[in-house]
C-alpha atoms as a PDB file:
ATOM      1  CA  MET A   1     -18.965  48.219 -63.435  1.00  0.00           C
ATOM      2  CA  ARG A   2     -21.218  51.565 -62.903  1.00  0.00           C
ATOM      3  CA  ARG A   3     -18.297  53.265 -60.346  1.00  0.00           C
ATOM      4  CA  MET A   4     -15.566  52.393 -63.001  1.00  0.00           C
ATOM      5  CA  LEU A   5     -17.926  53.930 -65.596  1.00  0.00           C
ATOM      6  CA  VAL A   6     -18.602  57.050 -63.207  1.00  0.00           C
ATOM      7  CA  LEU A   7     -14.784  57.551 -62.788  1.00  0.00           C
ATOM      8  CA  LEU A   8     -14.161  57.422 -66.465  1.00  0.00           C
ATOM      9  CA  LEU A   9     -16.782  59.962 -66.926  1.00  0.00           C
ATOM     10  CA  SER A  10     -15.770  61.974 -64.481  1.00  0.00           C
ATOM     11  CA  LEU A  11     -11.885  62.039 -65.720  1.00  0.00           C
ATOM     12  CA  VAL A  12     -13.518  62.891 -69.344  1.00  0.00           C
ATOM     13  CA  LEU A  13     -15.185  65.890 -68.086  1.00  0.00           C
ATOM     14  CA  VAL A  14     -12.503  67.351 -65.874  1.00  0.00           C
ATOM     15  CA  LEU A  15     -10.211  66.946 -69.019  1.00  0.00           C
ATOM     16  CA  SER A  16     -12.921  68.746 -70.796  1.00  0.00           C
ATOM     17  CA  GLY A  17     -13.374  71.560 -68.685  1.00  0.00           C
ATOM     18  CA  CYS A  18     -16.700  70.656 -68.370  1.00  0.00           C
ATOM     19  CA  ALA A  19     -17.062  69.248 -64.792  1.00  0.00           C
ATOM     20  CA  ASP A  20     -20.015  71.193 -64.040  1.00  0.00           C
ATOM     21  CA  GLN A  21     -22.011  69.098 -66.562  1.00  0.00           C
ATOM     22  CA  GLU A  22     -24.707  66.470 -65.161  1.00  0.00           C
ATOM     23  CA  LEU A  23     -23.387  63.249 -64.511  1.00  0.00           C
ATOM     24  CA  SER A  24     -26.868  62.084 -66.267  1.00  0.00           C
ATOM     25  CA  GLU A  25     -24.408  62.018 -69.246  1.00  0.00           C
ATOM     26  CA  LEU A  26     -23.348  58.717 -68.175  1.00  0.00           C
ATOM     27  CA  SER A  27     -26.280  56.864 -69.854  1.00  0.00           C
ATOM     28  CA  HIS A  28     -23.995  57.637 -73.322  1.00  0.00           C
ATOM     29  CA  PHE A  29     -21.972  55.122 -72.270  1.00  0.00           C
ATOM     30  CA  ALA A  30     -24.987  52.394 -71.809  1.00  0.00           C
ATOM     31  CA  PRO A  31     -25.069  49.046 -73.768  1.00  0.00           C
ATOM     32  CA  GLU A  32     -28.196  48.639 -75.480  1.00  0.00           C
ATOM     33  CA  GLU A  33     -31.346  48.469 -74.820  1.00  0.00           C
ATOM     34  CA  SER A  34     -31.697  44.490 -74.357  1.00  0.00           C
ATOM     35  CA  GLN A  35     -29.008  44.919 -71.708  1.00  0.00           C
ATOM     36  CA  ARG A  36     -30.805  47.737 -69.503  1.00  0.00           C
ATOM     37  CA  LEU A  37     -33.018  47.846 -66.663  1.00  0.00           C
ATOM     38  CA  ILE A  38     -34.635  50.521 -65.075  1.00  0.00           C
ATOM     39  CA  VAL A  39     -35.300  50.148 -60.990  1.00  0.00           C
ATOM     40  CA  TYR A  40     -37.167  52.451 -58.504  1.00  0.00           C
ATOM     41  CA  THR A  41     -36.262  52.082 -55.072  1.00  0.00           C
ATOM     42  CA  SER A  42     -37.275  52.853 -51.905  1.00  0.00           C
ATOM     43  CA  HIS A  43     -34.497  51.261 -50.352  1.00  0.00           C
ATOM     44  CA  LYS A  44     -31.674  53.083 -48.432  1.00  0.00           C
ATOM     45  CA  HIS A  45     -28.523  53.486 -50.286  1.00  0.00           C
ATOM     46  CA  GLU A  46     -26.208  50.594 -48.216  1.00  0.00           C
ATOM     47  CA  ILE A  47     -28.843  48.029 -49.282  1.00  0.00           C
ATOM     48  CA  TYR A  48     -29.793  48.921 -52.582  1.00  0.00           C
ATOM     49  CA  GLU A  49     -26.204  49.489 -53.880  1.00  0.00           C
ATOM     50  CA  PRO A  50     -24.397  46.270 -53.269  1.00  0.00           C
ATOM     51  CA  ILE A  51     -27.391  43.853 -54.313  1.00  0.00           C
ATOM     52  CA  ILE A  52     -27.697  45.868 -57.567  1.00  0.00           C
ATOM     53  CA  CYS A  53     -23.576  46.193 -58.511  1.00  0.00           C
ATOM     54  CA  GLU A  54     -23.807  42.378 -57.929  1.00  0.00           C
ATOM     55  CA  PHE A  55     -26.746  41.886 -60.553  1.00  0.00           C
ATOM     56  CA  GLU A  56     -24.707  43.775 -62.993  1.00  0.00           C
ATOM     57  CA  GLN A  57     -21.538  41.864 -62.410  1.00  0.00           C
ATOM     58  CA  ARG A  58     -23.156  38.738 -62.765  1.00  0.00           C
ATOM     59  CA  THR A  59     -25.605  39.436 -65.953  1.00  0.00           C
ATOM     60  CA  GLY A  60     -24.145  42.058 -67.566  1.00  0.00           C
ATOM     61  CA  ILE A  61     -27.316  43.981 -67.686  1.00  0.00           C
ATOM     62  CA  TRP A  62     -26.984  48.269 -67.142  1.00  0.00           C
ATOM     63  CA  VAL A  63     -29.118  49.264 -64.154  1.00  0.00           C
ATOM     64  CA  GLU A  64     -30.320  52.868 -63.887  1.00  0.00           C
ATOM     65  CA  ILE A  65     -31.942  53.455 -60.212  1.00  0.00           C
ATOM     66  CA  VAL A  66     -34.003  56.305 -59.481  1.00  0.00           C
ATOM     67  CA  THR A  67     -34.780  56.671 -55.706  1.00  0.00           C
ATOM     68  CA  GLY A  68     -37.560  57.857 -53.484  1.00  0.00           C
ATOM     69  CA  GLY A  69     -39.994  57.122 -50.769  1.00  0.00           C
ATOM     70  CA  THR A  70     -42.730  54.120 -51.415  1.00  0.00           C
ATOM     71  CA  ALA A  71     -45.769  56.082 -51.917  1.00  0.00           C
ATOM     72  CA  GLU A  72     -43.815  58.979 -53.732  1.00  0.00           C
ATOM     73  CA  LEU A  73     -42.614  56.034 -56.206  1.00  0.00           C
ATOM     74  CA  LEU A  74     -45.823  54.691 -56.486  1.00  0.00           C
ATOM     75  CA  GLU A  75     -47.726  57.733 -57.474  1.00  0.00           C
ATOM     76  CA  LYS A  76     -45.133  58.405 -60.234  1.00  0.00           C
ATOM     77  CA  ILE A  77     -45.565  55.196 -61.858  1.00  0.00           C
ATOM     78  CA  ALA A  78     -49.891  55.766 -61.453  1.00  0.00           C
ATOM     79  CA  SER A  79     -49.219  58.949 -63.221  1.00  0.00           C
ATOM     80  CA  GLY A  80     -47.830  57.466 -66.143  1.00  0.00           C
ATOM     81  CA  ASP A  81     -44.370  57.330 -65.971  1.00  0.00           C
ATOM     82  CA  THR A  82     -43.427  54.880 -68.336  1.00  0.00           C
ATOM     83  CA  GLN A  83     -39.475  54.732 -67.774  1.00  0.00           C
ATOM     84  CA  CYS A  84     -40.082  52.312 -64.881  1.00  0.00           C
ATOM     85  CA  ASP A  85     -39.167  48.601 -65.265  1.00  0.00           C
ATOM     86  CA  LEU A  86     -39.317  47.775 -61.832  1.00  0.00           C
ATOM     87  CA  LEU A  87     -40.158  48.608 -58.344  1.00  0.00           C
ATOM     88  CA  PHE A  88     -37.751  47.420 -55.765  1.00  0.00           C
ATOM     89  CA  GLY A  89     -39.093  47.958 -52.150  1.00  0.00           C
ATOM     90  CA  GLY A  90     -42.261  49.069 -50.507  1.00  0.00           C
ATOM     91  CA  GLY A  91     -44.719  46.981 -47.995  1.00  0.00           C
ATOM     92  CA  ILE A  92     -46.381  44.703 -49.845  1.00  0.00           C
ATOM     93  CA  ASP A  93     -49.738  46.019 -48.578  1.00  0.00           C
ATOM     94  CA  SER A  94     -48.743  49.042 -50.455  1.00  0.00           C
ATOM     95  CA  LEU A  95     -47.787  47.159 -53.451  1.00  0.00           C
ATOM     96  CA  SER A  96     -51.138  45.678 -53.192  1.00  0.00           C
ATOM     97  CA  ALA A  97     -52.805  48.624 -53.262  1.00  0.00           C
ATOM     98  CA  TYR A  98     -51.590  49.330 -56.572  1.00  0.00           C
ATOM     99  CA  GLY A  99     -51.647  46.137 -57.661  1.00  0.00           C
ATOM    100  CA  ASP A 100     -53.242  46.820 -61.417  1.00  0.00           C
ATOM    101  CA  LEU A 101     -49.886  48.670 -62.237  1.00  0.00           C
ATOM    102  CA  PHE A 102     -47.777  45.328 -62.370  1.00  0.00           C
ATOM    103  CA  ALA A 103     -47.014  43.013 -64.665  1.00  0.00           C
ATOM    104  CA  ALA A 104     -47.934  39.119 -63.463  1.00  0.00           C
ATOM    105  CA  TYR A 105     -44.672  37.157 -62.759  1.00  0.00           C
ATOM    106  CA  LYS A 106     -44.356  33.957 -60.825  1.00  0.00           C
ATOM    107  CA  SER A 107     -40.275  33.513 -60.353  1.00  0.00           C
ATOM    108  CA  PRO A 108     -38.764  29.341 -60.422  1.00  0.00           C
ATOM    109  CA  GLU A 109     -37.580  30.749 -57.251  1.00  0.00           C
ATOM    110  CA  LEU A 110     -40.564  30.776 -54.981  1.00  0.00           C
ATOM    111  CA  LYS A 111     -41.001  27.221 -54.602  1.00  0.00           C
ATOM    112  CA  ASN A 112     -38.378  27.743 -52.160  1.00  0.00           C
ATOM    113  CA  ILE A 113     -40.327  30.505 -50.365  1.00  0.00           C
ATOM    114  CA  VAL A 114     -42.055  30.325 -47.040  1.00  0.00           C
ATOM    115  CA  PRO A 115     -45.883  29.756 -48.628  1.00  0.00           C
ATOM    116  CA  SER A 116     -47.159  32.761 -46.211  1.00  0.00           C
ATOM    117  CA  MET A 117     -44.538  34.966 -47.909  1.00  0.00           C
ATOM    118  CA  GLN A 118     -45.161  33.839 -51.608  1.00  0.00           C
ATOM    119  CA  GLY A 119     -47.509  36.522 -52.836  1.00  0.00           C
ATOM    120  CA  ASN A 120     -50.355  36.362 -55.418  1.00  0.00           C
ATOM    121  CA  GLY A 121     -48.173  36.825 -58.449  1.00  0.00           C
ATOM    122  CA  THR A 122     -48.263  40.471 -58.590  1.00  0.00           C
ATOM    123  CA  TRP A 123     -45.182  40.869 -56.404  1.00  0.00           C
ATOM    124  CA  THR A 124     -42.283  39.306 -55.247  1.00  0.00           C
ATOM    125  CA  PRO A 125     -41.494  38.992 -51.613  1.00  0.00           C
ATOM    126  CA  PHE A 126     -37.370  40.156 -50.720  1.00  0.00           C
ATOM    127  CA  SER A 127     -37.436  40.261 -47.228  1.00  0.00           C
ATOM    128  CA  ALA A 128     -39.660  39.919 -43.979  1.00  0.00           C
ATOM    129  CA  LEU A 129     -39.906  43.002 -41.877  1.00  0.00           C
ATOM    130  CA  PRO A 130     -41.298  43.475 -38.302  1.00  0.00           C
ATOM    131  CA  MET A 131     -42.281  46.709 -37.207  1.00  0.00           C
ATOM    132  CA  VAL A 132     -41.083  47.847 -33.659  1.00  0.00           C
ATOM    133  CA  LEU A 133     -41.265  50.609 -31.302  1.00  0.00           C
ATOM    134  CA  ILE A 134     -38.104  52.613 -29.913  1.00  0.00           C
ATOM    135  CA  TYR A 135     -36.907  55.158 -27.022  1.00  0.00           C
ATOM    136  CA  ASN A 136     -34.482  57.105 -26.036  1.00  0.00           C
ATOM    137  CA  PRO A 137     -33.215  55.269 -22.610  1.00  0.00           C
ATOM    138  CA  LYS A 138     -31.324  58.381 -21.157  1.00  0.00           C
ATOM    139  CA  LEU A 139     -34.835  60.130 -21.644  1.00  0.00           C
ATOM    140  CA  VAL A 140     -37.139  57.210 -20.617  1.00  0.00           C
ATOM    141  CA  ARG A 141     -35.848  55.876 -17.887  1.00  0.00           C
ATOM    142  CA  PHE A 142     -39.411  54.375 -16.233  1.00  0.00           C
ATOM    143  CA  ASN A 143     -42.599  52.820 -18.159  1.00  0.00           C
ATOM    144  CA  PRO A 144     -40.878  52.674 -21.864  1.00  0.00           C
ATOM    145  CA  PRO A 145     -43.633  51.980 -24.375  1.00  0.00           C
ATOM    146  CA  GLU A 146     -45.201  48.809 -24.545  1.00  0.00           C
ATOM    147  CA  GLY A 147     -47.214  47.945 -27.344  1.00  0.00           C
ATOM    148  CA  TRP A 148     -49.176  49.822 -30.025  1.00  0.00           C
ATOM    149  CA  SER A 149     -51.490  51.012 -27.071  1.00  0.00           C
ATOM    150  CA  SER A 150     -48.274  53.633 -26.208  1.00  0.00           C
ATOM    151  CA  LEU A 151     -49.156  55.382 -29.453  1.00  0.00           C
ATOM    152  CA  LEU A 152     -52.175  56.475 -28.460  1.00  0.00           C
ATOM    153  CA  ASP A 153     -51.335  57.527 -24.555  1.00  0.00           C
ATOM    154  CA  PRO A 154     -51.519  61.262 -24.181  1.00  0.00           C
ATOM    155  CA  ALA A 155     -47.824  60.895 -22.150  1.00  0.00           C
ATOM    156  CA  TRP A 156     -46.093  60.588 -25.312  1.00  0.00           C
ATOM    157  CA  LYS A 157     -47.810  63.272 -27.264  1.00  0.00           C
ATOM    158  CA  GLY A 158     -45.516  65.355 -29.382  1.00  0.00           C
ATOM    159  CA  ARG A 159     -43.183  62.888 -28.550  1.00  0.00           C
ATOM    160  CA  ILE A 160     -43.358  60.419 -31.275  1.00  0.00           C
ATOM    161  CA  ALA A 161     -40.965  59.921 -34.132  1.00  0.00           C
ATOM    162  CA  PHE A 162     -43.202  59.026 -36.880  1.00  0.00           C
ATOM    163  CA  ALA A 163     -42.631  59.542 -40.685  1.00  0.00           C
ATOM    164  CA  SER A 164     -45.585  60.639 -43.299  1.00  0.00           C
ATOM    165  CA  PRO A 165     -47.582  57.443 -44.495  1.00  0.00           C
ATOM    166  CA  ALA A 166     -47.867  59.706 -47.601  1.00  0.00           C
ATOM    167  CA  VAL A 167     -44.405  59.121 -48.436  1.00  0.00           C
ATOM    168  CA  SER A 168     -43.430  55.966 -46.629  1.00  0.00           C
ATOM    169  CA  GLY A 169     -44.776  52.646 -47.023  1.00  0.00           C
ATOM    170  CA  SER A 170     -43.382  51.523 -43.657  1.00  0.00           C
ATOM    171  CA  SER A 171     -45.170  54.170 -42.219  1.00  0.00           C
ATOM    172  CA  TYR A 172     -48.447  53.250 -43.677  1.00  0.00           C
ATOM    173  CA  THR A 173     -48.015  49.749 -42.439  1.00  0.00           C
ATOM    174  CA  VAL A 174     -47.633  51.158 -38.843  1.00  0.00           C
ATOM    175  CA  LEU A 175     -51.014  52.869 -39.158  1.00  0.00           C
ATOM    176  CA  ALA A 176     -52.626  49.769 -40.808  1.00  0.00           C
ATOM    177  CA  THR A 177     -51.277  47.333 -37.742  1.00  0.00           C
ATOM    178  CA  MET A 178     -52.144  49.754 -34.882  1.00  0.00           C
ATOM    179  CA  ILE A 179     -55.559  49.367 -36.381  1.00  0.00           C
ATOM    180  CA  GLN A 180     -55.627  45.862 -36.688  1.00  0.00           C
ATOM    181  CA  ALA A 181     -53.986  45.670 -33.171  1.00  0.00           C
ATOM    182  CA  LEU A 182     -56.039  47.698 -31.458  1.00  0.00           C
ATOM    183  CA  GLY A 183     -59.384  47.290 -32.704  1.00  0.00           C
ATOM    184  CA  GLY A 184     -62.253  49.504 -33.173  1.00  0.00           C
ATOM    185  CA  GLU A 185     -63.253  52.085 -35.787  1.00  0.00           C
ATOM    186  CA  PRO A 186     -60.084  52.607 -38.010  1.00  0.00           C
ATOM    187  CA  GLU A 187     -61.164  56.144 -38.472  1.00  0.00           C
ATOM    188  CA  ASP A 188     -60.801  56.995 -34.616  1.00  0.00           C
ATOM    189  CA  ARG A 189     -57.712  55.107 -34.505  1.00  0.00           C
ATOM    190  CA  VAL A 190     -55.997  57.124 -37.097  1.00  0.00           C
ATOM    191  CA  LYS A 191     -57.323  60.471 -35.375  1.00  0.00           C
ATOM    192  CA  ASP A 192     -56.024  59.243 -32.091  1.00  0.00           C
ATOM    193  CA  PHE A 193     -52.594  58.716 -33.252  1.00  0.00           C
ATOM    194  CA  TYR A 194     -52.564  62.086 -35.431  1.00  0.00           C
ATOM    195  CA  ASN A 195     -53.413  64.190 -32.153  1.00  0.00           C
ATOM    196  CA  ASN A 196     -51.190  62.253 -30.075  1.00  0.00           C
ATOM    197  CA  LEU A 197     -48.334  63.169 -32.569  1.00  0.00           C
ATOM    198  CA  ASP A 198     -49.751  67.272 -31.739  1.00  0.00           C
ATOM    199  CA  GLY A 199     -48.583  67.954 -35.527  1.00  0.00           C
ATOM    200  CA  GLN A 200     -45.274  66.696 -35.324  1.00  0.00           C
ATOM    201  CA  VAL A 201     -44.292  64.268 -38.411  1.00  0.00           C
ATOM    202  CA  LEU A 202     -41.298  63.442 -40.050  1.00  0.00           C
ATOM    203  CA  SER A 203     -40.615  63.607 -43.845  1.00  0.00           C
ATOM    204  CA  GLY A 204     -39.210  60.182 -44.209  1.00  0.00           C
ATOM    205  CA  SER A 205     -38.866  56.993 -42.382  1.00  0.00           C
ATOM    206  CA  GLY A 206     -35.436  57.147 -42.366  1.00  0.00           C
ATOM    207  CA  GLU A 207     -35.084  59.978 -39.837  1.00  0.00           C
ATOM    208  CA  VAL A 208     -36.807  58.240 -36.976  1.00  0.00           C
ATOM    209  CA  ILE A 209     -33.486  56.359 -35.621  1.00  0.00           C
ATOM    210  CA  ASP A 210     -31.750  59.722 -35.688  1.00  0.00           C
ATOM    211  CA  ALA A 211     -34.796  61.754 -34.167  1.00  0.00           C
ATOM    212  CA  VAL A 212     -34.891  59.595 -31.516  1.00  0.00           C
ATOM    213  CA  ALA A 213     -31.250  58.883 -30.565  1.00  0.00           C
ATOM    214  CA  GLN A 214     -30.895  62.819 -30.586  1.00  0.00           C
ATOM    215  CA  GLY A 215     -33.272  62.972 -27.991  1.00  0.00           C
ATOM    216  CA  GLU A 216     -35.656  65.362 -30.172  1.00  0.00           C
ATOM    217  CA  TYR A 217     -38.649  62.721 -29.688  1.00  0.00           C
ATOM    218  CA  PHE A 218     -38.663  60.239 -27.019  1.00  0.00           C
ATOM    219  CA  ILE A 219     -39.989  57.254 -28.616  1.00  0.00           C
ATOM    220  CA  GLY A 220     -40.600  56.244 -32.212  1.00  0.00           C
ATOM    221  CA  VAL A 221     -42.132  53.104 -34.758  1.00  0.00           C
ATOM    222  CA  THR A 222     -39.688  51.969 -37.330  1.00  0.00           C
ATOM    223  CA  PRO A 223     -39.036  48.076 -39.239  1.00  0.00           C
ATOM    224  CA  GLU A 224     -37.066  46.162 -37.208  1.00  0.00           C
ATOM    225  CA  GLU A 225     -34.162  46.086 -39.044  1.00  0.00           C
ATOM    226  CA  ALA A 226     -33.436  50.068 -38.578  1.00  0.00           C
ATOM    227  CA  ALA A 227     -34.048  49.762 -35.345  1.00  0.00           C
ATOM    228  CA  VAL A 228     -31.409  46.727 -35.124  1.00  0.00           C
ATOM    229  CA  ASN A 229     -28.811  48.235 -36.731  1.00  0.00           C
ATOM    230  CA  GLY A 230     -29.341  51.521 -34.829  1.00  0.00           C
ATOM    231  CA  ILE A 231     -28.008  49.715 -32.248  1.00  0.00           C
ATOM    232  CA  LYS A 232     -25.308  48.002 -33.621  1.00  0.00           C
ATOM    233  CA  GLU A 233     -23.779  51.126 -34.389  1.00  0.00           C
ATOM    234  CA  GLY A 234     -24.127  52.857 -30.736  1.00  0.00           C
ATOM    235  CA  TYR A 235     -27.250  54.849 -31.104  1.00  0.00           C
ATOM    236  CA  ASP A 236     -29.253  55.626 -28.002  1.00  0.00           C
ATOM    237  CA  ILE A 237     -32.123  53.799 -28.858  1.00  0.00           C
ATOM    238  CA  ALA A 238     -33.630  50.517 -27.058  1.00  0.00           C
ATOM    239  CA  MET A 239     -35.876  48.502 -29.311  1.00  0.00           C
ATOM    240  CA  VAL A 240     -39.384  46.756 -28.288  1.00  0.00           C
ATOM    241  CA  TYR A 241     -41.576  44.313 -30.098  1.00  0.00           C
ATOM    242  CA  PRO A 242     -45.100  45.491 -29.122  1.00  0.00           C
ATOM    243  CA  VAL A 243     -46.889  43.241 -26.750  1.00  0.00           C
ATOM    244  CA  GLU A 244     -49.888  42.925 -29.037  1.00  0.00           C
ATOM    245  CA  GLY A 245     -48.225  41.172 -31.388  1.00  0.00           C
ATOM    246  CA  THR A 246     -46.702  43.181 -34.825  1.00  0.00           C
ATOM    247  CA  SER A 247     -47.001  42.727 -38.167  1.00  0.00           C
ATOM    248  CA  ILE A 248     -44.658  40.981 -40.084  1.00  0.00           C
ATOM    249  CA  VAL A 249     -44.937  41.863 -43.704  1.00  0.00           C
ATOM    250  CA  ALA A 250     -42.460  41.283 -46.447  1.00  0.00           C
ATOM    251  CA  ASP A 251     -41.329  43.716 -48.729  1.00  0.00           C
ATOM    252  CA  GLY A 252     -41.141  43.468 -52.329  1.00  0.00           C
ATOM    253  CA  ALA A 253     -40.632  43.963 -55.773  1.00  0.00           C
ATOM    254  CA  ALA A 254     -42.999  44.102 -58.769  1.00  0.00           C
ATOM    255  CA  ILE A 255     -42.665  44.355 -62.610  1.00  0.00           C
ATOM    256  CA  ILE A 256     -44.409  47.462 -64.377  1.00  0.00           C
ATOM    257  CA  LYS A 257     -46.735  46.556 -67.214  1.00  0.00           C
ATOM    258  CA  ASN A 258     -45.628  47.030 -70.621  1.00  0.00           C
ATOM    259  CA  CYS A 259     -42.277  48.113 -69.245  1.00  0.00           C
ATOM    260  CA  ARG A 260     -39.483  48.195 -72.063  1.00  0.00           C
ATOM    261  CA  HIS A 261     -37.368  45.532 -70.234  1.00  0.00           C
ATOM    262  CA  GLU A 262     -39.289  42.829 -68.993  1.00  0.00           C
ATOM    263  CA  GLU A 263     -36.874  39.805 -69.319  1.00  0.00           C
ATOM    264  CA  ASN A 264     -34.366  41.571 -67.346  1.00  0.00           C
ATOM    265  CA  ALA A 265     -37.037  42.693 -64.829  1.00  0.00           C
ATOM    266  CA  LYS A 266     -37.944  38.841 -64.150  1.00  0.00           C
ATOM    267  CA  ARG A 267     -34.174  38.005 -63.847  1.00  0.00           C
ATOM    268  CA  PHE A 268     -33.567  40.466 -61.246  1.00  0.00           C
ATOM    269  CA  LEU A 269     -36.709  39.233 -59.078  1.00  0.00           C
ATOM    270  CA  ASP A 270     -35.070  35.865 -59.515  1.00  0.00           C
ATOM    271  CA  PHE A 271     -31.981  37.058 -58.325  1.00  0.00           C
ATOM    272  CA  ILE A 272     -33.028  38.689 -54.936  1.00  0.00           C
ATOM    273  CA  LEU A 273     -34.453  35.304 -54.187  1.00  0.00           C
ATOM    274  CA  SER A 274     -31.512  33.365 -54.490  1.00  0.00           C
ATOM    275  CA  GLU A 275     -30.024  31.800 -51.748  1.00  0.00           C
ATOM    276  CA  ASP A 276     -27.075  33.717 -51.510  1.00  0.00           C
ATOM    277  CA  VAL A 277     -28.808  36.709 -51.693  1.00  0.00           C
ATOM    278  CA  GLN A 278     -31.165  35.805 -49.350  1.00  0.00           C
ATOM    279  CA  ARG A 279     -28.483  34.758 -46.973  1.00  0.00           C
ATOM    280  CA  ARG A 280     -26.952  38.029 -47.112  1.00  0.00           C
ATOM    281  CA  LEU A 281     -30.109  39.619 -45.787  1.00  0.00           C
ATOM    282  CA  SER A 282     -29.394  38.513 -42.130  1.00  0.00           C
ATOM    283  CA  ASP A 283     -25.497  38.535 -42.349  1.00  0.00           C
ATOM    284  CA  THR A 284     -25.085  41.832 -43.692  1.00  0.00           C
ATOM    285  CA  PHE A 285     -28.444  43.887 -43.484  1.00  0.00           C
ATOM    286  CA  SER A 286     -29.830  42.718 -40.313  1.00  0.00           C
ATOM    287  CA  ARG A 287     -33.125  42.011 -42.472  1.00  0.00           C
ATOM    288  CA  ARG A 288     -35.277  38.530 -42.076  1.00  0.00           C
ATOM    289  CA  SER A 289     -35.035  35.966 -45.357  1.00  0.00           C
ATOM    290  CA  VAL A 290     -38.429  34.761 -46.593  1.00  0.00           C
ATOM    291  CA  ARG A 291     -36.395  31.882 -47.820  1.00  0.00           C
ATOM    292  CA  THR A 292     -37.580  28.262 -46.286  1.00  0.00           C
ATOM    293  CA  GLY A 293     -34.209  27.393 -44.207  1.00  0.00           C
ATOM    294  CA  LEU A 294     -33.257  31.043 -43.782  1.00  0.00           C
ATOM    295  CA  TYR A 295     -36.838  32.534 -42.527  1.00  0.00           C
ATOM    296  CA  THR A 296     -36.783  32.424 -38.863  1.00  0.00           C
ATOM    297  CA  LEU A 297     -39.265  34.120 -36.016  1.00  0.00           C
ATOM    298  CA  SER A 298     -37.124  32.637 -33.106  1.00  0.00           C
ATOM    299  CA  THR A 299     -36.749  36.080 -31.049  1.00  0.00           C
ATOM    300  CA  ARG A 300     -37.667  36.791 -27.901  1.00  0.00           C
ATOM    301  CA  GLY A 301     -40.542  39.098 -27.234  1.00  0.00           C
ATOM    302  CA  LEU A 302     -41.556  38.885 -31.054  1.00  0.00           C
ATOM    303  CA  LYS A 303     -44.954  37.996 -31.475  1.00  0.00           C
ATOM    304  CA  SER A 304     -46.906  37.587 -34.691  1.00  0.00           C
ATOM    305  CA  LEU A 305     -50.027  39.636 -35.101  1.00  0.00           C
ATOM    306  CA  ASP A 306     -52.361  38.183 -37.743  1.00  0.00           C
ATOM    307  CA  TYR A 307     -52.060  40.736 -40.332  1.00  0.00           C
ATOM    308  CA  ASP A 308     -54.647  41.095 -42.906  1.00  0.00           C
ATOM    309  CA  VAL A 309     -52.606  42.279 -45.971  1.00  0.00           C
ATOM    310  CA  ALA A 310     -55.521  42.206 -47.813  1.00  0.00           C
ATOM    311  CA  TRP A 311     -57.480  44.597 -45.688  1.00  0.00           C
ATOM    312  CA  ALA A 312     -54.445  47.154 -45.514  1.00  0.00           C
ATOM    313  CA  GLY A 313     -54.045  47.363 -49.224  1.00  0.00           C
ATOM    314  CA  SER A 314     -58.286  47.899 -50.001  1.00  0.00           C
ATOM    315  CA  HIS A 315     -57.958  50.463 -47.403  1.00  0.00           C
ATOM    316  CA  HIS A 316     -54.561  51.955 -48.587  1.00  0.00           C
ATOM    317  CA  ALA A 317     -56.741  55.162 -50.581  1.00  0.00           C
ATOM    318  CA  GLU A 318     -59.188  55.969 -47.936  1.00  0.00           C
ATOM    319  CA  ILE A 319     -56.683  55.712 -44.938  1.00  0.00           C
ATOM    320  CA  LEU A 320     -54.427  57.986 -46.567  1.00  0.00           C
ATOM    321  CA  GLN A 321     -57.216  60.225 -47.696  1.00  0.00           C
ATOM    322  CA  LEU A 322     -58.089  60.636 -44.065  1.00  0.00           C
ATOM    323  CA  TRP A 323     -54.109  61.304 -43.328  1.00  0.00           C
ATOM    324  CA  ALA A 324     -54.128  64.030 -45.909  1.00  0.00           C
ATOM    325  CA  GLU A 325     -57.368  65.684 -44.521  1.00  0.00           C
ATOM    326  CA  LEU A 326     -56.006  65.648 -40.759  1.00  0.00           C
ATOM    327  CA  SER A 327     -52.594  67.102 -41.926  1.00  0.00           C
ATOM    328  CA  GLY A 328     -53.474  69.093 -44.662  1.00  0.00           C
ATOM    329  CA  GLU A 329     -50.905  67.138 -46.833  1.00  0.00           C
ATOM    330  CA  VAL A 330     -52.020  66.332 -50.609  1.00  0.00           C
ATOM    331  CA  ALA A 331     -53.487  62.796 -50.851  1.00  0.00           C
ATOM    332  CA  GLY A 332     -51.964  60.376 -53.395  1.00  0.00           C
END
């Protein structure tokens, strides 16, 4: 529906000699308030677009989309942005750290979700995302990285592709996973890892696969689905499940308190938990479903770490503050 309206508006602009105007004027064609939904998402275009388009077609609800990194969008909402109805994307550890922003909602579909993934009512799970290591097999012919301890190995200093956790929610999950997998003082682990990056930090998690495949970095850390899709598309990368075990954290969605279109937001959460959407996760997006009967961890080499989501959520601010002090970035 949105695509047809975009084409219609583009034609109108061309005929009127105003083709250089902002396409935000498309909002004039939007239906009444009761049929609208404003979604902030950190998902990649190829994930959010087909899901949101299908939701629009089934419900007739008009969805407006704002994209950005998880941490960036959370900070925007926390700063008092009242436009957003629903945040779609971001690890539940990051969402838990901002739990006061969200309205409680327990979808009727939760009865069909794996108990460990159901959440606490302030966020709704979407998919399960193991964190993995990758490397460039042309550059790393011997002794590839094996686990979280590899990220602290001086042999890889300055050669690790990693996005700033000030922007990327998955990068925060990586830090929290590494701390829990290796033990020791969290501050020491973060400092050692940052020093081993040697000042080389990417601006977004979507850059990790390209950076390793193109030989700019030798190894990297990324969600499993990004690595699997990269391999399917022919990128020069290989994937490793950390020997110590890895976090398998749900990414999720949450309704913003006092939003304008709460009922439509609830319908969207019910939709993303439905069987056909959850089945599409593995069939199309190389993601793991959180739905009973579809959820599986039976992959060779994949060992689940007993990841403490509550700890990761409660230490979110202090870990990002430490990162900001080390990197000179502005803390969220």
